Amino acid sequence: MGYARMSGMKTLIIYHPNSEHSRAVEDYITDFKRSRGLEIGLVSLETREGADLAKLYDLVQYPALVVLRDDSQLIKFWSGLPLPLMDEVAGYANA
């Protein structure tokens, strides 16, 4: 799976690309990369991969931002809007 990596972690947002929150998600990842120099992967719920991840981690509200270890163990997740503070995400992603 092609997720962005931060210090041995995978960080991604699972979302519906054609929804009212898609612009907020896309702006968030752009701002996160600009301010932190790190990337967050995007996964569409409309793909098999996105649906499988949502089921695996029991995600029911979107967008969902997840931080995973390289072995896919869930470290932290946030769901719905507003998206979490970038400092908080970076703190978990760099733990």
Protein backbone atom coordinates (compact mmCIF):
# COMPACT_ATOMS: atom_id res chain seq x y z
CA MET A 1 0.00 0.00 0.00
CA GLY A 2 1.36 3.40 -0.89
CA TYR A 3 1.04 5.42 2.31
CA ALA A 4 3.12 8.36 3.33
CA ARG A 5 5.72 7.43 5.94
CA MET A 6 6.79 9.46 8.93
CA SER A 7 9.45 7.99 11.23
CA GLY A 8 8.35 4.39 10.73
CA MET A 9 4.67 5.31 10.78
CA LYS A 10 2.02 5.44 8.06
CA THR A 11 -0.36 8.37 8.15
CA LEU A 12 -3.40 8.59 5.91
CA ILE A 13 -6.84 10.05 5.49
CA ILE A 14 -9.71 7.83 4.41
CA TYR A 15 -12.44 9.91 2.80
CA HIS A 16 -15.09 10.27 0.10
CA PRO A 17 -13.44 12.29 -2.72
CA ASN A 18 -16.78 13.53 -4.10
CA SER A 19 -18.25 14.88 -0.88
CA GLU A 20 -18.66 18.14 1.00
CA HIS A 21 -15.50 17.42 3.03
CA SER A 22 -13.18 16.64 0.11
CA ARG A 23 -11.93 20.23 -0.22
CA ALA A 24 -11.15 20.46 3.51
CA VAL A 25 -9.21 17.20 3.34
CA GLU A 26 -7.20 18.22 0.28
CA ASP A 27 -6.40 21.63 1.78
CA TYR A 28 -5.35 19.96 5.05
CA ILE A 29 -2.84 17.62 3.41
CA THR A 30 -1.42 20.48 1.33
CA ASP A 31 -1.03 22.67 4.42
CA PHE A 32 0.41 19.76 6.43
CA LYS A 33 3.06 19.11 3.81
CA ARG A 34 3.90 22.81 3.54
CA SER A 35 4.12 23.42 7.30
CA ARG A 36 5.61 20.09 8.46
CA GLY A 37 7.43 18.88 5.36
CA LEU A 38 5.58 15.57 5.69
CA GLU A 39 2.96 13.92 3.53
CA ILE A 40 -0.31 12.26 4.42
CA GLY A 41 -1.63 9.58 2.10
CA LEU A 42 -5.18 9.78 0.76
CA VAL A 43 -7.38 6.71 0.42
CA SER A 44 -10.80 6.88 -1.21
CA LEU A 45 -13.64 5.00 0.45
CA GLU A 46 -14.85 4.33 -3.06
CA THR A 47 -12.00 1.87 -3.64
CA ARG A 48 -11.67 -1.67 -2.34
CA GLU A 49 -8.59 -0.62 -0.35
CA GLY A 50 -10.46 2.24 1.33
CA ALA A 51 -13.50 0.11 2.14
CA ASP A 52 -11.25 -2.65 3.55
CA LEU A 53 -9.34 -0.20 5.75
CA ALA A 54 -12.55 1.35 7.06
CA LYS A 55 -13.85 -2.10 7.96
CA LEU A 56 -10.55 -3.26 9.47
CA TYR A 57 -10.28 -0.24 11.78
CA ASP A 58 -14.06 0.05 12.36
CA LEU A 59 -14.20 3.57 10.93
CA VAL A 60 -17.75 4.85 10.50
CA GLN A 61 -17.37 8.64 10.31
CA TYR A 62 -15.42 10.43 7.60
CA PRO A 63 -12.99 11.82 6.89
CA ALA A 64 -10.90 9.60 9.13
CA LEU A 65 -7.24 10.36 9.75
CA VAL A 66 -5.24 7.38 11.01
CA VAL A 67 -1.67 6.88 12.19
CA LEU A 68 -0.43 3.32 11.81
CA ARG A 69 2.79 1.53 12.63
CA ASP A 70 4.59 -0.08 9.72
CA ASP A 71 2.99 -3.38 10.77
CA SER A 72 -0.43 -1.68 10.35
CA GLN A 73 -1.17 -1.52 14.08
CA LEU A 74 -3.44 1.44 14.77
CA ILE A 75 -1.74 4.10 16.91
CA LYS A 76 -4.35 6.89 16.81
CA PHE A 77 -7.32 7.97 14.73
CA TRP A 78 -9.58 10.96 14.42
CA SER A 79 -12.86 11.01 12.56
CA GLY A 80 -15.18 13.65 11.19
CA LEU A 81 -14.71 17.37 10.93
CA PRO A 82 -12.97 19.43 12.04
CA LEU A 83 -9.74 17.63 11.29
CA PRO A 84 -7.26 17.45 14.20
CA LEU A 85 -4.60 20.02 14.90
CA MET A 86 -1.54 19.45 12.74
CA ASP A 87 0.77 19.55 15.78
CA GLU A 88 -1.18 16.68 17.34
CA VAL A 89 -0.99 14.56 14.18
CA ALA A 90 2.72 15.25 13.78
CA GLY A 91 3.28 14.31 17.44
CA TYR A 92 1.71 10.88 16.99
CA ALA A 93 3.28 10.33 13.58
CA ASN A 94 6.75 11.04 14.94
CA ALA A 95 6.34 9.05 18.19
